Protein backbone atom coordinates (compact mmCIF):
# COMPACT_ATOMS: atom_id res chain seq x y z
CA MET A 1 -0.09 31.63 -21.19
CA GLY A 2 -0.05 30.98 -17.47
CA GLU A 3 -0.36 28.33 -14.79
CA PHE A 4 -3.25 27.74 -12.43
CA ILE A 5 -2.57 25.76 -9.25
CA ILE A 6 -5.34 23.69 -7.68
CA LYS A 7 -4.79 22.81 -4.05
CA MET A 8 -6.38 20.13 -1.90
CA PRO A 9 -9.72 21.63 -0.85
CA ASP A 10 -10.97 21.82 2.71
CA VAL A 11 -13.72 19.20 2.69
CA GLY A 12 -15.00 20.41 6.05
CA GLU A 13 -15.81 18.83 9.43
CA GLY A 14 -12.29 19.39 10.73
CA VAL A 15 -10.62 17.11 8.17
CA ALA A 16 -6.95 18.10 7.81
CA GLU A 17 -5.98 15.57 5.13
CA ALA A 18 -7.46 13.08 2.71
CA GLU A 19 -6.32 10.05 0.77
CA LEU A 20 -6.08 10.33 -3.01
CA VAL A 21 -8.02 7.36 -4.41
CA GLU A 22 -8.49 8.19 -8.09
CA TRP A 23 -7.04 10.31 -10.88
CA HIS A 24 -9.19 11.11 -13.90
CA VAL A 25 -6.40 12.90 -15.76
CA LYS A 26 -2.67 12.62 -16.43
CA PRO A 27 0.00 15.17 -17.45
CA GLY A 28 -0.64 16.42 -20.96
CA ASP A 29 -4.39 15.82 -20.86
CA PRO A 30 -6.68 18.69 -21.88
CA VAL A 31 -9.27 19.62 -19.26
CA ARG A 32 -12.33 21.78 -19.35
CA GLU A 33 -14.04 23.79 -16.66
CA ASP A 34 -15.98 21.67 -14.13
CA MET A 35 -14.35 18.43 -15.37
CA VAL A 36 -13.60 16.03 -12.48
CA LEU A 37 -9.85 15.76 -11.99
CA ALA A 38 -9.54 13.48 -8.97
CA ALA A 39 -11.34 11.82 -6.07
CA VAL A 40 -10.18 11.89 -2.45
CA MET A 41 -11.45 9.90 0.51
CA THR A 42 -11.67 10.85 4.16
CA ASP A 43 -12.93 8.61 6.93
CA LYS A 44 -16.37 10.09 6.28
CA ALA A 45 -16.87 10.46 2.54
CA THR A 46 -15.43 10.39 -0.97
CA VAL A 47 -15.15 13.83 -2.58
CA GLU A 48 -14.63 14.63 -6.26
CA ILE A 49 -12.42 17.60 -7.16
CA PRO A 50 -13.45 19.52 -10.31
CA SER A 51 -11.32 21.85 -12.40
CA PRO A 52 -12.25 25.54 -12.11
CA VAL A 53 -10.49 26.35 -15.41
CA THR A 54 -9.98 25.11 -18.94
CA GLY A 55 -6.47 24.19 -20.04
CA LYS A 56 -3.90 21.39 -20.06
CA VAL A 57 -2.56 19.37 -17.13
CA LEU A 58 1.12 20.09 -16.51
CA TRP A 59 1.78 18.29 -13.22
CA LEU A 60 0.13 16.04 -10.64
CA GLY A 61 1.16 16.45 -7.03
CA ALA A 62 0.38 13.00 -5.61
CA GLU A 63 -0.05 9.33 -6.47
CA ILE A 64 -3.03 7.11 -5.74
CA GLY A 65 -2.87 6.03 -2.12
CA ASP A 66 -0.97 9.13 -0.95
CA THR A 67 -2.30 11.17 1.95
CA VAL A 68 -2.53 14.83 0.95
CA ALA A 69 -2.86 17.70 3.42
CA VAL A 70 -5.49 20.38 2.95
CA LYS A 71 -4.17 23.28 0.79
CA ALA A 72 -1.23 21.21 -0.52
CA PRO A 73 -0.66 21.69 -4.29
CA LEU A 74 -2.54 18.98 -6.15
CA VAL A 75 -2.69 19.89 -9.87
CA ARG A 76 -1.05 22.49 -12.11
CA ILE A 77 -2.95 23.47 -15.24
CA GLU A 78 -1.69 25.52 -18.15
CA THR A 79 -4.32 28.07 -19.05
CA ALA A 80 -4.81 30.09 -22.22
CA GLY A 81 -5.91 33.30 -20.53
CA GLU A 82 -3.57 36.20 -19.84
CA ASP A 83 -1.34 35.32 -16.88
CA GLY A 84 -3.41 32.19 -16.47
CA GLU A 85 -6.31 34.15 -14.96
CA PRO A 86 -9.55 32.12 -15.26
CA PRO A 87 -12.91 33.75 -15.88
CA ALA A 88 -14.45 35.28 -12.79
CA ASP A 89 -17.15 32.65 -12.57
CA SER A 90 -14.95 29.65 -13.41
CA VAL A 91 -14.45 28.42 -9.81
CA PRO A 92 -17.36 26.47 -8.31
CA GLU A 93 -18.84 28.42 -5.44
CA ALA A 94 -18.48 25.56 -2.97
CA LEU A 95 -14.70 25.36 -3.56
CA ALA A 96 -14.01 28.99 -4.41
CA GLU A 97 -12.24 29.79 -1.15
CA THR A 98 -10.28 26.56 -0.97
CA VAL A 99 -9.28 25.68 -4.51
CA ARG A 100 -8.72 28.96 -6.24
CA GLU A 101 -5.15 30.20 -6.01
CA GLU A 102 -3.33 33.17 -7.46
CA PRO A 103 -2.09 32.25 -10.96
CA VAL A 104 1.62 31.85 -11.47
CA ALA A 105 2.80 33.75 -14.56
CA VAL A 106 5.04 31.79 -16.90
CA SER A 107 7.50 33.94 -18.83
CA THR A 108 8.33 32.80 -22.34
CA PRO A 109 11.01 34.21 -24.62
CA PRO A 110 9.76 36.27 -27.56
CA ALA A 111 9.31 34.17 -30.65
CA ALA A 112 9.17 35.00 -34.29
CA LYS A 113 5.72 35.87 -35.42
CA ALA A 114 4.16 33.03 -37.34
CA PRO A 115 2.10 33.73 -40.43
CA ALA A 116 -1.51 34.26 -39.63
CA GLU A 117 -3.65 31.19 -39.97
CA PRO A 118 -7.36 31.04 -40.65
CA GLU A 119 -9.39 31.92 -37.60
CA LYS A 120 -11.10 28.51 -37.44
CA ALA A 121 -8.51 26.12 -38.81
CA ALA A 122 -9.55 22.51 -38.46
CA PRO A 123 -7.02 20.15 -36.81
CA ARG A 124 -5.13 18.02 -39.30
CA PRO A 125 -5.41 14.30 -38.57
CA ALA A 126 -2.27 12.16 -38.69
CA PRO A 127 -1.91 10.18 -41.91
CA ALA A 128 -3.62 6.84 -41.58
CA PRO A 129 -0.86 4.82 -43.33
CA ARG A 130 1.74 5.96 -40.77
CA GLU A 131 -0.51 4.96 -37.90
CA ALA A 132 -1.05 1.55 -39.44
CA GLU A 133 2.69 1.12 -39.97
CA ALA A 134 3.40 2.09 -36.36
CA ALA A 135 0.77 -0.37 -35.15
CA ARG A 136 2.47 -3.18 -37.08
CA LYS A 137 5.97 -2.29 -35.88
CA PRO A 138 7.12 -4.92 -33.36
CA LEU A 139 8.25 -3.80 -29.90
CA ALA A 140 11.85 -4.81 -29.27
CA SER A 141 15.07 -3.36 -27.86
CA PRO A 142 17.96 -2.30 -30.17
CA ALA A 143 19.97 -5.36 -29.08
CA ILE A 144 17.18 -7.71 -30.12
CA ARG A 145 16.73 -5.89 -33.44
CA LEU A 146 20.46 -6.29 -34.12
CA ARG A 147 20.33 -10.03 -33.36
CA ALA A 148 17.29 -10.38 -35.61
CA ARG A 149 19.05 -8.66 -38.53
CA GLU A 150 22.17 -10.80 -38.10
CA SER A 151 20.01 -13.95 -38.00
CA GLY A 152 17.80 -12.90 -40.89
CA VAL A 153 14.66 -12.94 -38.75
CA ASP A 154 11.64 -10.76 -39.48
CA LEU A 155 10.54 -9.61 -36.02
CA ARG A 156 6.98 -9.20 -37.27
CA GLN A 157 6.77 -12.99 -37.27
CA VAL A 158 7.91 -13.29 -33.64
CA ILE A 159 5.30 -13.34 -30.88
CA GLY A 160 6.39 -11.20 -27.93
CA THR A 161 5.59 -12.31 -24.38
CA GLY A 162 6.95 -9.24 -22.61
CA PRO A 163 4.94 -6.25 -21.32
CA ALA A 164 2.62 -4.82 -24.02
CA GLY A 165 3.77 -7.61 -26.37
CA ARG A 166 7.45 -6.61 -26.29
CA ILE A 167 9.80 -9.21 -27.82
CA THR A 168 12.36 -10.62 -25.39
CA HIS A 169 15.62 -12.49 -26.01
CA GLU A 170 13.84 -15.69 -24.95
CA ASP A 171 11.15 -15.10 -27.59
CA LEU A 172 13.82 -14.65 -30.26
CA ASP A 173 15.72 -17.75 -29.08
CA LEU A 174 12.53 -19.81 -29.23
CA PHE A 175 11.75 -18.57 -32.75
CA ILE A 176 15.29 -19.29 -34.01
CA GLY A 177 15.26 -22.69 -32.32
CA ARG A 178 12.24 -23.62 -34.41
CA GLY A 179 14.24 -23.09 -37.56
CA ALA A 180 13.19 -19.47 -38.05
CA GLU A 181 9.87 -20.63 -39.43
CA PRO A 182 6.88 -18.33 -39.00
CA MET A 183 5.02 -19.14 -35.81
CA PRO A 184 1.29 -19.68 -35.93
CA ALA A 185 -0.83 -16.56 -35.46
CA GLN A 186 -2.49 -18.06 -32.41
CA VAL A 187 -0.72 -20.27 -29.92
CA GLY A 188 -2.74 -22.30 -27.47
CA LEU A 189 -0.13 -22.35 -24.71
CA THR A 190 2.20 -19.38 -24.28
CA ARG A 191 4.34 -18.20 -21.44
CA LYS A 192 3.08 -15.14 -19.57
CA THR A 193 5.58 -12.96 -17.77
CA THR A 194 3.62 -9.78 -17.03
CA VAL A 195 3.13 -8.67 -13.43
CA GLU A 196 0.26 -6.33 -12.60
CA GLU A 197 0.85 -3.98 -9.69
CA ILE A 198 -2.28 -2.86 -7.84
CA LYS A 199 -1.86 -0.28 -5.10
CA ILE A 200 -4.06 -0.84 -2.07
CA ALA A 201 -5.88 2.45 -1.63
CA GLY A 202 -9.20 3.97 -0.65
CA LEU A 203 -11.84 1.62 0.74
CA ARG A 204 -9.64 -1.41 0.04
CA ARG A 205 -6.93 0.05 2.31
CA ARG A 206 -9.45 0.75 5.07
CA ILE A 207 -10.73 -2.81 4.85
CA ALA A 208 -7.16 -4.11 5.11
CA GLU A 209 -6.45 -1.92 8.13
CA LYS A 210 -9.68 -3.00 9.86
CA MET A 211 -9.02 -6.70 9.25
CA SER A 212 -5.42 -6.39 10.46
CA LEU A 213 -6.57 -4.57 13.58
CA SER A 214 -9.22 -7.16 14.34
CA THR A 215 -7.09 -10.26 13.84
CA SER A 216 -4.03 -8.82 15.62
CA ARG A 217 -5.90 -7.66 18.73
CA ILE A 218 -8.79 -10.09 19.08
CA PRO A 219 -8.20 -13.78 19.91
CA HIS A 220 -10.98 -15.39 17.89
CA ILE A 221 -12.88 -18.52 18.81
CA THR A 222 -15.13 -19.86 16.03
CA TYR A 223 -18.05 -22.19 16.70
CA VAL A 224 -19.83 -23.99 13.83
CA GLU A 225 -23.24 -25.60 14.20
CA GLU A 226 -25.70 -26.97 11.63
CA VAL A 227 -29.29 -25.79 11.69
CA ASP A 228 -32.33 -27.49 10.15
CA VAL A 229 -34.12 -24.59 8.42
CA THR A 230 -36.77 -26.69 6.65
CA ALA A 231 -39.62 -25.22 8.72
CA LEU A 232 -38.17 -21.73 8.45
CA GLU A 233 -37.96 -21.97 4.66
CA GLU A 234 -41.57 -23.17 4.51
CA LEU A 235 -42.67 -20.21 6.65
CA ARG A 236 -40.63 -17.79 4.57
CA ALA A 237 -42.16 -19.09 1.33
CA THR A 238 -45.68 -18.74 2.79
CA MET A 239 -45.06 -15.18 4.00
CA ASN A 240 -43.58 -14.17 0.64
CA ARG A 241 -46.55 -15.64 -1.18
CA ASP A 242 -49.04 -13.74 1.00
CA ARG A 243 -47.10 -10.48 1.35
CA LYS A 244 -48.69 -7.15 0.49
CA PRO A 245 -47.58 -5.18 -2.59
CA ASP A 246 -45.69 -2.66 -0.44
CA GLN A 247 -43.86 -5.32 1.56
CA PRO A 248 -40.34 -6.47 0.55
CA LYS A 249 -39.47 -10.04 -0.31
CA LEU A 250 -38.15 -11.86 2.72
CA THR A 251 -34.75 -13.54 2.79
CA ILE A 252 -33.47 -15.56 5.71
CA LEU A 253 -31.65 -12.54 7.18
CA PRO A 254 -34.68 -10.74 8.72
CA PHE A 255 -35.56 -13.95 10.59
CA LEU A 256 -31.98 -14.24 11.82
CA MET A 257 -32.05 -10.59 12.91
CA ARG A 258 -35.17 -11.15 14.98
CA ALA A 259 -33.69 -14.36 16.41
CA LEU A 260 -30.57 -12.39 17.39
CA VAL A 261 -32.71 -9.85 19.23
CA ARG A 262 -34.35 -12.63 21.24
CA THR A 263 -31.02 -14.34 21.95
CA VAL A 264 -29.02 -11.32 23.12
CA ALA A 265 -31.83 -10.44 25.52
CA ASP A 266 -30.78 -13.58 27.42
CA GLN A 267 -27.05 -13.11 26.75
CA PRO A 268 -26.32 -9.36 26.71
CA GLY A 269 -22.59 -9.96 26.85
CA VAL A 270 -22.60 -10.91 23.18
CA ASN A 271 -24.22 -7.64 22.10
CA ALA A 272 -21.33 -5.51 23.26
CA ILE A 273 -18.33 -3.33 22.45
CA PHE A 274 -14.99 -4.04 24.13
CA ASP A 275 -12.76 -1.04 24.84
CA ASP A 276 -9.56 -3.01 25.39
CA HIS A 277 -7.53 0.13 26.14
CA ALA A 278 -9.72 0.98 29.13
CA GLY A 279 -10.53 -2.66 29.90
CA ILE A 280 -14.29 -2.00 29.78
CA VAL A 281 -17.03 -3.98 28.04
CA HIS A 282 -20.00 -1.84 27.03
CA ARG A 283 -23.14 -3.99 26.94
CA HIS A 284 -25.84 -2.37 24.81
CA ALA A 285 -29.56 -2.67 25.36
CA ALA A 286 -30.11 -1.46 21.80
CA VAL A 287 -29.40 -4.06 19.11
CA HIS A 288 -27.68 -2.33 16.18
CA ILE A 289 -26.98 -5.09 13.66
CA GLY A 290 -24.23 -4.61 11.09
CA ILE A 291 -24.80 -6.43 7.80
CA ALA A 292 -21.57 -7.21 5.91
CA THR A 293 -22.34 -6.18 2.32
CA GLN A 294 -20.22 -6.68 -0.78
CA THR A 295 -20.09 -3.61 -3.04
CA PRO A 296 -18.17 -2.84 -6.26
CA ALA A 297 -15.68 -0.88 -4.15
CA GLY A 298 -15.27 -3.55 -1.47
CA LEU A 299 -16.82 -4.78 1.77
CA THR A 300 -18.92 -2.34 3.80
CA VAL A 301 -21.07 -2.85 6.90
CA PRO A 302 -24.29 -0.79 6.90
CA VAL A 303 -26.11 -0.85 10.23
CA VAL A 304 -29.77 -1.67 10.91
CA ARG A 305 -30.37 0.38 14.04
CA HIS A 306 -32.67 -0.66 16.87
CA ALA A 307 -33.54 -4.07 15.47
CA GLU A 308 -35.18 -4.76 18.84
CA ALA A 309 -37.91 -2.24 17.88
CA ARG A 310 -38.49 -3.58 14.34
CA GLY A 311 -40.79 -6.31 13.15
CA ILE A 312 -39.84 -8.84 10.50
CA TRP A 313 -41.09 -6.73 7.57
CA ASP A 314 -39.50 -3.56 8.93
CA CYS A 315 -36.16 -5.39 9.29
CA ALA A 316 -36.41 -6.57 5.68
CA ALA A 317 -37.27 -3.10 4.33
CA GLU A 318 -34.45 -1.39 6.20
CA LEU A 319 -32.03 -4.11 5.21
CA ASN A 320 -32.90 -3.65 1.52
CA ARG A 321 -32.60 0.13 1.77
CA LEU A 322 -29.19 0.06 3.42
CA ALA A 323 -27.80 -2.63 1.10
CA GLU A 324 -28.80 -0.58 -1.95
CA ALA A 325 -27.27 2.58 -0.46
CA ALA A 326 -24.03 0.72 0.26
CA ARG A 327 -23.81 -0.76 -3.25
CA THR A 328 -24.45 2.60 -4.94
CA GLY A 329 -22.07 4.48 -2.64
CA THR A 330 -24.82 6.74 -1.21
CA ALA A 331 -24.77 5.42 2.37
CA THR A 332 -24.05 8.13 4.92
CA ARG A 333 -21.36 7.87 7.56
CA ASP A 334 -23.97 7.42 10.30
CA GLU A 335 -25.39 4.44 8.38
CA LEU A 336 -21.99 2.73 8.36
CA ILE A 337 -20.96 3.04 12.01
CA GLY A 338 -22.26 2.10 15.45
CA SER A 339 -23.08 -1.60 15.11
CA THR A 340 -23.08 -3.75 18.25
CA ILE A 341 -23.10 -7.17 16.54
CA THR A 342 -22.63 -8.19 12.91
CA ILE A 343 -24.04 -10.75 10.49
CA SER A 344 -21.90 -11.99 7.60
CA SER A 345 -23.58 -13.87 4.75
CA LEU A 346 -22.36 -14.89 1.31
CA GLY A 347 -25.70 -16.35 0.27
CA ALA A 348 -25.39 -19.22 -2.18
CA LEU A 349 -21.58 -18.80 -2.05
CA GLY A 350 -21.57 -19.27 1.72
CA GLY A 351 -19.78 -22.60 1.62
CA ILE A 352 -20.06 -25.34 4.23
CA ALA A 353 -18.30 -23.41 6.98
CA SER A 354 -16.32 -20.19 7.40
CA THR A 355 -14.27 -18.31 9.98
CA PRO A 356 -15.71 -14.78 9.99
CA VAL A 357 -13.54 -11.98 11.34
CA ILE A 358 -15.07 -9.93 14.16
CA ASN A 359 -15.96 -6.35 13.30
CA HIS A 360 -13.69 -4.57 15.81
CA PRO A 361 -14.46 -3.44 18.51
CA GLU A 362 -17.49 -5.75 18.68
CA VAL A 363 -17.19 -9.11 20.43
CA ALA A 364 -19.23 -11.39 18.15
CA ILE A 365 -20.12 -12.01 14.51
CA VAL A 366 -22.58 -14.54 13.10
CA GLY A 367 -21.69 -16.11 9.74
CA VAL A 368 -24.43 -17.60 7.55
CA ASN A 369 -23.47 -20.48 5.25
CA LYS A 370 -25.41 -21.81 2.29
CA ILE A 371 -28.54 -23.93 2.57
CA ALA A 372 -28.30 -27.46 1.16
CA VAL A 373 -30.66 -30.43 1.10
CA ARG A 374 -29.13 -33.30 3.07
CA PRO A 375 -30.38 -36.71 4.23
CA VAL A 376 -31.21 -36.67 7.96
CA TRP A 377 -32.00 -39.75 10.05
CA ASP A 378 -35.33 -39.28 11.84
CA GLY A 379 -35.09 -42.46 13.91
CA SER A 380 -36.54 -44.83 11.34
CA GLN A 381 -35.42 -43.56 7.95
CA PHE A 382 -33.46 -40.89 6.13
CA VAL A 383 -35.51 -37.87 5.08
CA PRO A 384 -34.45 -34.85 3.01
CA ARG A 385 -34.04 -31.71 5.11
CA LYS A 386 -32.76 -28.21 4.36
CA ILE A 387 -29.61 -27.73 6.42
CA MET A 388 -27.60 -24.56 6.96
CA ASN A 389 -24.49 -24.05 9.05
CA LEU A 390 -23.91 -21.07 11.31
CA SER A 391 -20.23 -20.14 11.68
CA SER A 392 -19.88 -17.65 14.51
CA SER A 393 -16.75 -16.02 15.94
CA PHE A 394 -16.33 -14.53 19.42
CA ASP A 395 -13.76 -12.45 21.28
CA HIS A 396 -12.27 -15.09 23.57
CA ARG A 397 -10.98 -12.40 25.95
CA VAL A 398 -14.49 -11.65 27.18
CA ILE A 399 -16.60 -14.58 25.92
CA ASP A 400 -15.89 -18.13 27.05
CA GLY A 401 -16.44 -21.14 24.83
CA TRP A 402 -19.40 -22.26 26.94
CA ASP A 403 -21.15 -18.90 26.50
CA ALA A 404 -20.43 -18.93 22.78
CA ALA A 405 -21.93 -22.41 22.41
CA THR A 406 -24.97 -21.46 24.51
CA PHE A 407 -25.55 -18.42 22.30
CA VAL A 408 -25.41 -20.42 19.06
CA GLN A 409 -27.60 -23.22 20.44
CA ARG A 410 -30.26 -20.66 21.38
CA LEU A 411 -30.13 -19.25 17.85
CA LYS A 412 -30.43 -22.80 16.50
CA THR A 413 -33.56 -23.46 18.55
CA LEU A 414 -35.27 -20.27 17.36
CA LEU A 415 -34.42 -20.88 13.70
CA GLU A 416 -35.49 -24.53 13.79
CA THR A 417 -38.78 -23.58 15.50
CA PRO A 418 -39.48 -20.23 13.80
CA ALA A 419 -42.82 -19.70 15.57
CA LEU A 420 -40.80 -18.94 18.71
CA ILE A 421 -39.31 -15.89 16.97
CA PHE A 422 -42.76 -14.29 16.99
CA VAL A 423 -43.70 -15.24 20.54
CA GLU A 424 -43.59 -12.21 22.83
CA GLY A 425 -42.08 -12.36 26.26
């Protein structure tokens, strides 16, 4: 028997450390060659670490959320080979130089020779009655068991409210207070005392850090304005009805993207990055629009590059492609960085108004709220119109309230008269 030590691999591109975001094994678990043991995250990618050997996990060198340096011991595996030496081809070629380590021999005292067993002895399953008895055995401390015996209480009749159903003193007191009568199998209202601890790690930690950075360093000003999108929705429905088979279905976002391009041409200060350390605002001619996208792992912001050079259908196609890549975790690092202004939309969950947080180091973010039919006075009567609010935040250090309002009012005009979005010049 021997031990095989797996160290944090060098994931390349000058990365000296990575954050451990997931364990797939625990001490005592059997592992096989090429089985994924853990996942680590750098600022560029998430990397899975496979096992180069077959054996049993003895020790894990970090907890989820820990930052682990390259070549630091990560996992120790007990191997069956002589001196723990794995087969020559057991280490994946891509990690051979970084994960494979010299095996550490484990000396064991000589033991009496056991009688030979059949070469292919089948494992003996545990007796089913014992398992059933263990499953029925109530969880309680020795002190509670003693109290129950002295009170003549069968703990199997007591419902435990502690962790994993453990019976507490309060549970026993409640049962005895009811006259030691069996409690009903199902209780409609029960006290819950469990506390779930969730460590903030991986993408969730990076989101937390980004939000903290943005709100601590950027004085936000948020401007909310309602927009009548009745005409825009009619145009969108017509274009979707007449679209070609290879064209994507249009949402409101491609129209907003094109309206942003037209608006920042008149107000370039909004399409900018603020380097507050150097005290320099970088105004970009290119319009790289970040689209806040909810994924199973958390919020990401894929970037539609050069929206100023894309038509409405091209914007929609690229938006769909990037959103799918973000949700499936296949978006590249270059597709998630470099935005100059961001759109945040929760669709039907958008609410009446919101206070979107600026995507640091940008200076503006446009929040899209839900569309609702509301009565609007047209001068002689109330008519039903489709109304949507825009909730937009700006960096008040470099954008004044007047400029913020002017920007949003220009967006409002374009969205309420959508033909203007397509007018050149």
